Amino acid sequence: QVQLVESGGGWAQPGGSLNLSCVASTSIFNVVGMAWYRQAAGKQRELVAHILRDGNIHYVDSVQGRFTISRDTAKKTVYLRMNSLKPDDTAGYFCKMIKSRVTSYWGQGTQVTVSS
């Protein structure tokens, strides 16, 4: 069983920054991809960003230019750098490993709150 542990969430003021980390219990080198999702209260979980095995990266429009996803395969870690945070970014943030076409794993999530 793969375990994913997120950290780095917390409170930030609008315009502030937070860095999220997701450490995997197994290698992330050959997986299909790693992704960050978020879920705000009363809303469906949505994809924020993903990074695929070949390095291809995708961001949802609402975070383009503000968030940066990256990975360190040696540390089995994927990161989400969040700049210029807005109140609308408030949500639980979840790490996902897409291990194959039929297998994926989720972390427990880390809460991000943006308010003044």
C-alpha atoms as a PDB file:
ATOM      1  CA  GLN A   1       0.000   0.000   0.000  1.00  0.00           C
ATOM      2  CA  VAL A   2       1.372   3.389  -1.022  1.00  0.00           C
ATOM      3  CA  GLN A   3       1.240   6.168   1.523  1.00  0.00           C
ATOM      4  CA  LEU A   4       1.288   9.848   0.630  1.00  0.00           C
ATOM      5  CA  VAL A   5       1.846  12.420   3.348  1.00  0.00           C
ATOM      6  CA  GLU A   6       1.141  16.077   2.666  1.00  0.00           C
ATOM      7  CA  SER A   7       2.502  18.956   4.711  1.00  0.00           C
ATOM      8  CA  GLY A   8       2.970  22.708   4.498  1.00  0.00           C
ATOM      9  CA  GLY A   9      -0.610  23.853   4.728  1.00  0.00           C
ATOM     10  CA  GLY A  10      -1.741  26.566   7.079  1.00  0.00           C
ATOM     11  CA  TRP A  11      -2.904  30.137   7.063  1.00  0.00           C
ATOM     12  CA  ALA A  12      -1.773  32.877   4.736  1.00  0.00           C
ATOM     13  CA  GLN A  13      -2.864  36.396   4.006  1.00  0.00           C
ATOM     14  CA  PRO A  14      -4.105  37.303   0.529  1.00  0.00           C
ATOM     15  CA  GLY A  15      -1.050  37.806  -1.642  1.00  0.00           C
ATOM     16  CA  GLY A  16       1.005  35.513   0.520  1.00  0.00           C
ATOM     17  CA  SER A  17       2.735  32.227  -0.246  1.00  0.00           C
ATOM     18  CA  LEU A  18       2.755  28.658   0.987  1.00  0.00           C
ATOM     19  CA  ASN A  19       4.764  25.616  -0.024  1.00  0.00           C
ATOM     20  CA  LEU A  20       3.118  22.223   0.059  1.00  0.00           C
ATOM     21  CA  SER A  21       5.020  18.948   0.055  1.00  0.00           C
ATOM     22  CA  CYS A  22       3.882  15.401  -0.567  1.00  0.00           C
ATOM     23  CA  VAL A  23       6.195  12.576   0.409  1.00  0.00           C
ATOM     24  CA  ALA A  24       5.511   9.124  -1.012  1.00  0.00           C
ATOM     25  CA  SER A  25       6.373   5.832   0.654  1.00  0.00           C
ATOM     26  CA  THR A  26       7.492   4.403  -2.692  1.00  0.00           C
ATOM     27  CA  SER A  27       9.355   5.670  -5.713  1.00  0.00           C
ATOM     28  CA  ILE A  28       7.642   8.292  -7.875  1.00  0.00           C
ATOM     29  CA  PHE A  29      10.129   7.874 -10.694  1.00  0.00           C
ATOM     30  CA  ASN A  30       8.156   5.544 -12.968  1.00  0.00           C
ATOM     31  CA  VAL A  31       4.601   6.434 -12.051  1.00  0.00           C
ATOM     32  CA  VAL A  32       2.284   7.860 -14.688  1.00  0.00           C
ATOM     33  CA  GLY A  33       2.104  11.137 -12.819  1.00  0.00           C
ATOM     34  CA  MET A  34       1.722  13.058  -9.596  1.00  0.00           C
ATOM     35  CA  ALA A  35      -0.992  15.603  -8.989  1.00  0.00           C
ATOM     36  CA  TRP A  36      -2.381  18.103  -6.541  1.00  0.00           C
ATOM     37  CA  TYR A  37      -6.117  18.441  -6.094  1.00  0.00           C
ATOM     38  CA  ARG A  38      -8.134  20.689  -3.825  1.00  0.00           C
ATOM     39  CA  GLN A  39     -11.572  20.613  -2.323  1.00  0.00           C
ATOM     40  CA  ALA A  40     -13.276  23.641  -0.856  1.00  0.00           C
ATOM     41  CA  ALA A  41     -16.134  23.325   1.582  1.00  0.00           C
ATOM     42  CA  GLY A  42     -19.304  22.291  -0.217  1.00  0.00           C
ATOM     43  CA  LYS A  43     -17.556  21.880  -3.552  1.00  0.00           C
ATOM     44  CA  GLN A  44     -16.269  19.004  -5.614  1.00  0.00           C
ATOM     45  CA  ARG A  45     -12.617  18.078  -5.585  1.00  0.00           C
ATOM     46  CA  GLU A  46     -10.784  19.659  -8.520  1.00  0.00           C
ATOM     47  CA  LEU A  47      -7.439  19.152 -10.179  1.00  0.00           C
ATOM     48  CA  VAL A  48      -4.982  21.957  -9.430  1.00  0.00           C
ATOM     49  CA  ALA A  49      -1.875  20.734 -11.231  1.00  0.00           C
ATOM     50  CA  HIS A  50      -0.195  17.586 -12.407  1.00  0.00           C
ATOM     51  CA  ILE A  51       3.253  16.565 -13.529  1.00  0.00           C
ATOM     52  CA  LEU A  52       3.571  13.519 -15.736  1.00  0.00           C
ATOM     53  CA  ARG A  53       6.366  10.986 -16.082  1.00  0.00           C
ATOM     54  CA  ASP A  54       7.722  12.764 -19.151  1.00  0.00           C
ATOM     55  CA  GLY A  55       7.771  16.073 -17.294  1.00  0.00           C
ATOM     56  CA  ASN A  56       4.668  17.472 -18.923  1.00  0.00           C
ATOM     57  CA  ILE A  57       2.909  19.886 -16.566  1.00  0.00           C
ATOM     58  CA  HIS A  58      -0.650  21.139 -16.508  1.00  0.00           C
ATOM     59  CA  TYR A  59      -2.353  23.771 -14.324  1.00  0.00           C
ATOM     60  CA  VAL A  60      -5.977  24.632 -13.911  1.00  0.00           C
ATOM     61  CA  ASP A  61      -6.602  28.114 -15.326  1.00  0.00           C
ATOM     62  CA  SER A  62      -7.333  29.655 -11.936  1.00  0.00           C
ATOM     63  CA  VAL A  63      -3.808  28.982 -10.631  1.00  0.00           C
ATOM     64  CA  GLN A  64      -1.807  29.411 -13.848  1.00  0.00           C
ATOM     65  CA  GLY A  65       1.063  31.795 -13.250  1.00  0.00           C
ATOM     66  CA  ARG A  66       0.686  31.659  -9.464  1.00  0.00           C
ATOM     67  CA  PHE A  67       1.313  28.017  -8.557  1.00  0.00           C
ATOM     68  CA  THR A  68       4.269  25.831  -9.495  1.00  0.00           C
ATOM     69  CA  ILE A  69       4.356  22.042  -9.285  1.00  0.00           C
ATOM     70  CA  SER A  70       7.687  20.267  -9.122  1.00  0.00           C
ATOM     71  CA  ARG A  71       9.139  16.948  -8.034  1.00  0.00           C
ATOM     72  CA  ASP A  72      12.286  15.478  -6.569  1.00  0.00           C
ATOM     73  CA  THR A  73      12.338  11.800  -7.469  1.00  0.00           C
ATOM     74  CA  ALA A  74      15.319  11.095  -5.199  1.00  0.00           C
ATOM     75  CA  LYS A  75      13.316  12.369  -2.238  1.00  0.00           C
ATOM     76  CA  LYS A  76      10.073  10.769  -3.485  1.00  0.00           C
ATOM     77  CA  THR A  77       8.479  14.173  -3.071  1.00  0.00           C
ATOM     78  CA  VAL A  78       6.237  16.426  -5.118  1.00  0.00           C
ATOM     79  CA  TYR A  79       5.834  20.092  -4.262  1.00  0.00           C
ATOM     80  CA  LEU A  80       3.304  22.810  -4.875  1.00  0.00           C
ATOM     81  CA  ARG A  81       4.592  26.344  -4.551  1.00  0.00           C
ATOM     82  CA  MET A  82       1.651  28.707  -4.145  1.00  0.00           C
ATOM     83  CA  ASN A  83       2.194  32.436  -4.643  1.00  0.00           C
ATOM     84  CA  SER A  84      -0.198  35.370  -4.764  1.00  0.00           C
ATOM     85  CA  LEU A  85      -2.733  33.423  -2.761  1.00  0.00           C
ATOM     86  CA  LYS A  86      -6.370  34.438  -2.894  1.00  0.00           C
ATOM     87  CA  PRO A  87      -9.252  33.677  -0.525  1.00  0.00           C
ATOM     88  CA  ASP A  88     -10.676  31.438  -3.265  1.00  0.00           C
ATOM     89  CA  ASP A  89      -7.614  29.199  -2.844  1.00  0.00           C
ATOM     90  CA  THR A  90      -8.885  28.195   0.586  1.00  0.00           C
ATOM     91  CA  ALA A  91      -9.399  24.434   0.489  1.00  0.00           C
ATOM     92  CA  GLY A  92      -8.076  21.083   1.548  1.00  0.00           C
ATOM     93  CA  TYR A  93      -5.190  20.182  -0.758  1.00  0.00           C
ATOM     94  CA  PHE A  94      -4.651  16.544  -1.649  1.00  0.00           C
ATOM     95  CA  CYS A  95      -1.759  14.764  -3.284  1.00  0.00           C
ATOM     96  CA  LYS A  96      -2.485  11.982  -5.774  1.00  0.00           C
ATOM     97  CA  MET A  97      -0.181   9.369  -7.259  1.00  0.00           C
ATOM     98  CA  ILE A  98      -1.319   8.022 -10.614  1.00  0.00           C
ATOM     99  CA  LYS A  99       0.626   4.799 -10.494  1.00  0.00           C
ATOM    100  CA  SER A 100      -0.954   3.288 -13.578  1.00  0.00           C
ATOM    101  CA  ARG A 101      -4.054   3.613 -15.718  1.00  0.00           C
ATOM    102  CA  VAL A 102      -6.079   1.677 -13.152  1.00  0.00           C
ATOM    103  CA  THR A 103      -4.303   2.418  -9.882  1.00  0.00           C
ATOM    104  CA  SER A 104      -4.010   5.654  -7.975  1.00  0.00           C
ATOM    105  CA  TYR A 105      -3.496   6.678  -4.378  1.00  0.00           C
ATOM    106  CA  TRP A 106      -4.506   9.715  -2.327  1.00  0.00           C
ATOM    107  CA  GLY A 107      -2.985  11.430   0.635  1.00  0.00           C
ATOM    108  CA  GLN A 108      -4.986  12.595   3.639  1.00  0.00           C
ATOM    109  CA  GLY A 109      -4.755  16.239   2.677  1.00  0.00           C
ATOM    110  CA  THR A 110      -3.525  19.476   4.194  1.00  0.00           C
ATOM    111  CA  GLN A 111      -5.686  22.522   4.838  1.00  0.00           C
ATOM    112  CA  VAL A 112      -4.896  25.882   3.278  1.00  0.00           C
ATOM    113  CA  THR A 113      -6.727  28.947   4.531  1.00  0.00           C
ATOM    114  CA  VAL A 114      -6.284  32.353   2.914  1.00  0.00           C
ATOM    115  CA  SER A 115      -7.818  35.268   4.763  1.00  0.00           C
ATOM    116  CA  SER A 116      -7.016  38.661   6.157  1.00  0.00           C
END
